[in-house]
Amino acid sequence: MQEAEVLNLGYLNLKKTSINFFSKFIHENKPLIIVLSILMVLLILLIPKIFLRNNIYYISKDINGLYSQYISLKEEKRFLEQQLETKEYENQITDSLLLNDLKLLPQNK
């Protein structure tokens, strides 16, 4: 039992010593602790803001890339529509010429 009491007293002495050390450390370094506390609060407040700004930046880059693709696809569509219209016109002319040629041929009965 005496060994347990000695261990218990040693633990209590260690606990009192560590509490005294920390209270002395806090008392002597109060300005440092205040500055570190302010820095921690600022970091906690600013990290989400930085994260959101980065996400907004990358999303806007993606949007700009998609918009430029959209513009180029619109131009390509316009170009293809012009080509289609040209081909349709050529087809109408060719069909009308073929029909006229067929009408001019003598009909065998």
C-alpha atoms as a PDB file:
ATOM      1  CA  MET A   1       0.000   0.000   0.000  1.00  0.00           C
ATOM      2  CA  GLN A   2       2.822   2.380   0.691  1.00  0.00           C
ATOM      3  CA  GLU A   3       4.079   2.084  -2.860  1.00  0.00           C
ATOM      4  CA  ALA A   4       0.656   3.065  -4.166  1.00  0.00           C
ATOM      5  CA  GLU A   5       0.584   6.078  -1.864  1.00  0.00           C
ATOM      6  CA  VAL A   6       4.077   7.100  -2.976  1.00  0.00           C
ATOM      7  CA  LEU A   7       3.038   6.775  -6.644  1.00  0.00           C
ATOM      8  CA  ASN A   8      -0.132   8.718  -5.951  1.00  0.00           C
ATOM      9  CA  LEU A   9       1.823  11.484  -4.171  1.00  0.00           C
ATOM     10  CA  GLY A  10       4.353  11.538  -7.032  1.00  0.00           C
ATOM     11  CA  TYR A  11       1.514  11.910  -9.505  1.00  0.00           C
ATOM     12  CA  LEU A  12      -0.037  14.727  -7.479  1.00  0.00           C
ATOM     13  CA  ASN A  13       3.330  16.496  -7.220  1.00  0.00           C
ATOM     14  CA  LEU A  14       3.824  16.136 -10.981  1.00  0.00           C
ATOM     15  CA  LYS A  15       0.325  17.451 -11.593  1.00  0.00           C
ATOM     16  CA  LYS A  16       0.886  20.465  -9.302  1.00  0.00           C
ATOM     17  CA  THR A  17       4.261  21.125 -10.921  1.00  0.00           C
ATOM     18  CA  SER A  18       2.847  21.010 -14.438  1.00  0.00           C
ATOM     19  CA  ILE A  19      -0.075  23.255 -13.454  1.00  0.00           C
ATOM     20  CA  ASN A  20       2.352  25.731 -11.881  1.00  0.00           C
ATOM     21  CA  PHE A  21       4.552  25.591 -14.981  1.00  0.00           C
ATOM     22  CA  PHE A  22       1.635  26.288 -17.332  1.00  0.00           C
ATOM     23  CA  SER A  23       0.180  29.054 -15.177  1.00  0.00           C
ATOM     24  CA  LYS A  24       3.626  30.672 -14.959  1.00  0.00           C
ATOM     25  CA  PHE A  25       4.129  30.255 -18.733  1.00  0.00           C
ATOM     26  CA  ILE A  26       0.726  31.801 -19.479  1.00  0.00           C
ATOM     27  CA  HIS A  27       1.331  34.674 -17.084  1.00  0.00           C
ATOM     28  CA  GLU A  28       4.778  35.476 -18.515  1.00  0.00           C
ATOM     29  CA  ASN A  29       3.762  35.160 -22.168  1.00  0.00           C
ATOM     30  CA  LYS A  30       0.346  36.807 -22.106  1.00  0.00           C
ATOM     31  CA  PRO A  31       0.990  39.096 -25.128  1.00  0.00           C
ATOM     32  CA  LEU A  32       2.272  36.168 -27.177  1.00  0.00           C
ATOM     33  CA  ILE A  33      -0.790  34.099 -26.304  1.00  0.00           C
ATOM     34  CA  ILE A  34      -3.088  36.994 -27.242  1.00  0.00           C
ATOM     35  CA  VAL A  35      -1.348  37.419 -30.598  1.00  0.00           C
ATOM     36  CA  LEU A  36      -1.490  33.692 -31.316  1.00  0.00           C
ATOM     37  CA  SER A  37      -5.167  33.606 -30.376  1.00  0.00           C
ATOM     38  CA  ILE A  38      -5.925  36.500 -32.735  1.00  0.00           C
ATOM     39  CA  LEU A  39      -4.020  34.736 -35.527  1.00  0.00           C
ATOM     40  CA  MET A  40      -5.964  31.528 -34.969  1.00  0.00           C
ATOM     41  CA  VAL A  41      -9.292  33.378 -35.101  1.00  0.00           C
ATOM     42  CA  LEU A  42      -8.244  35.152 -38.300  1.00  0.00           C
ATOM     43  CA  LEU A  43      -7.193  31.880 -39.892  1.00  0.00           C
ATOM     44  CA  ILE A  44     -10.468  30.247 -38.946  1.00  0.00           C
ATOM     45  CA  LEU A  45     -12.370  33.141 -40.513  1.00  0.00           C
ATOM     46  CA  LEU A  46     -10.225  33.578 -43.639  1.00  0.00           C
ATOM     47  CA  ILE A  47      -9.699  29.972 -44.757  1.00  0.00           C
ATOM     48  CA  PRO A  48     -13.325  29.521 -45.930  1.00  0.00           C
ATOM     49  CA  LYS A  49     -13.161  32.844 -47.776  1.00  0.00           C
ATOM     50  CA  ILE A  50      -9.959  31.825 -49.588  1.00  0.00           C
ATOM     51  CA  PHE A  51     -11.454  28.440 -50.418  1.00  0.00           C
ATOM     52  CA  LEU A  52     -14.601  30.018 -51.863  1.00  0.00           C
ATOM     53  CA  ARG A  53     -12.631  32.537 -53.930  1.00  0.00           C
ATOM     54  CA  ASN A  54     -10.521  29.760 -55.438  1.00  0.00           C
ATOM     55  CA  ASN A  55     -13.615  27.729 -56.282  1.00  0.00           C
ATOM     56  CA  ILE A  56     -15.301  30.745 -57.871  1.00  0.00           C
ATOM     57  CA  TYR A  57     -12.172  31.419 -59.936  1.00  0.00           C
ATOM     58  CA  TYR A  58     -11.949  27.876 -61.288  1.00  0.00           C
ATOM     59  CA  ILE A  59     -15.687  27.682 -61.980  1.00  0.00           C
ATOM     60  CA  SER A  60     -15.552  30.975 -63.900  1.00  0.00           C
ATOM     61  CA  LYS A  61     -12.619  29.610 -65.940  1.00  0.00           C
ATOM     62  CA  ASP A  62     -14.726  26.561 -66.812  1.00  0.00           C
ATOM     63  CA  ILE A  63     -17.680  28.780 -67.742  1.00  0.00           C
ATOM     64  CA  ASN A  64     -15.483  30.926 -70.021  1.00  0.00           C
ATOM     65  CA  GLY A  65     -14.145  27.814 -71.752  1.00  0.00           C
ATOM     66  CA  LEU A  66     -17.650  26.465 -72.289  1.00  0.00           C
ATOM     67  CA  TYR A  67     -18.835  29.830 -73.577  1.00  0.00           C
ATOM     68  CA  SER A  68     -16.027  30.001 -76.132  1.00  0.00           C
ATOM     69  CA  GLN A  69     -16.935  26.476 -77.294  1.00  0.00           C
ATOM     70  CA  TYR A  70     -20.570  27.564 -77.550  1.00  0.00           C
ATOM     71  CA  ILE A  71     -19.634  30.560 -79.715  1.00  0.00           C
ATOM     72  CA  SER A  72     -17.490  28.441 -82.031  1.00  0.00           C
ATOM     73  CA  LEU A  73     -20.273  25.833 -82.340  1.00  0.00           C
ATOM     74  CA  LYS A  74     -22.762  28.576 -83.224  1.00  0.00           C
ATOM     75  CA  GLU A  75     -20.418  29.780 -85.971  1.00  0.00           C
ATOM     76  CA  GLU A  76     -19.964  26.244 -87.243  1.00  0.00           C
ATOM     77  CA  LYS A  77     -23.750  25.757 -87.277  1.00  0.00           C
ATOM     78  CA  ARG A  78     -24.204  28.947 -89.289  1.00  0.00           C
ATOM     79  CA  PHE A  79     -21.522  27.830 -91.753  1.00  0.00           C
ATOM     80  CA  LEU A  80     -23.114  24.368 -92.121  1.00  0.00           C
ATOM     81  CA  GLU A  81     -26.546  25.911 -92.651  1.00  0.00           C
ATOM     82  CA  GLN A  82     -25.108  28.063 -95.455  1.00  0.00           C
ATOM     83  CA  GLN A  83     -23.536  24.994 -97.043  1.00  0.00           C
ATOM     84  CA  LEU A  84     -26.821  23.093 -96.765  1.00  0.00           C
ATOM     85  CA  GLU A  85     -28.717  25.962 -98.364  1.00  0.00           C
ATOM     86  CA  THR A  86     -26.183  26.063-101.208  1.00  0.00           C
ATOM     87  CA  LYS A  87     -26.478  22.306-101.782  1.00  0.00           C
ATOM     88  CA  GLU A  88     -30.283  22.485-101.744  1.00  0.00           C
ATOM     89  CA  TYR A  89     -30.216  25.280-104.304  1.00  0.00           C
ATOM     90  CA  GLU A  90     -27.812  23.317-106.524  1.00  0.00           C
ATOM     91  CA  ASN A  91     -30.049  20.265-106.172  1.00  0.00           C
ATOM     92  CA  GLN A  92     -33.133  22.263-107.244  1.00  0.00           C
ATOM     93  CA  ILE A  93     -31.315  23.577-110.297  1.00  0.00           C
ATOM     94  CA  THR A  94     -30.072  20.102-111.217  1.00  0.00           C
ATOM     95  CA  ASP A  95     -33.544  18.603-110.780  1.00  0.00           C
ATOM     96  CA  SER A  96     -35.176  21.292-112.900  1.00  0.00           C
ATOM     97  CA  LEU A  97     -32.589  20.780-115.670  1.00  0.00           C
ATOM     98  CA  LEU A  98     -33.137  17.022-115.617  1.00  0.00           C
ATOM     99  CA  LEU A  99     -36.921  17.417-115.767  1.00  0.00           C
ATOM    100  CA  ASN A 100     -36.640  19.833-118.672  1.00  0.00           C
ATOM    101  CA  ASP A 101     -34.380  17.387-120.504  1.00  0.00           C
ATOM    102  CA  LEU A 102     -36.863  14.583-119.912  1.00  0.00           C
ATOM    103  CA  LYS A 103     -39.741  16.682-121.259  1.00  0.00           C
ATOM    104  CA  LEU A 104     -37.807  17.435-124.412  1.00  0.00           C
ATOM    105  CA  LEU A 105     -37.203  13.769-125.180  1.00  0.00           C
ATOM    106  CA  PRO A 106     -39.688  12.274-127.618  1.00  0.00           C
ATOM    107  CA  GLN A 107     -42.108   9.960-125.981  1.00  0.00           C
ATOM    108  CA  ASN A 108     -42.393   6.525-127.495  1.00  0.00           C
ATOM    109  CA  LYS A 109     -45.865   5.035-127.469  1.00  0.00           C
END
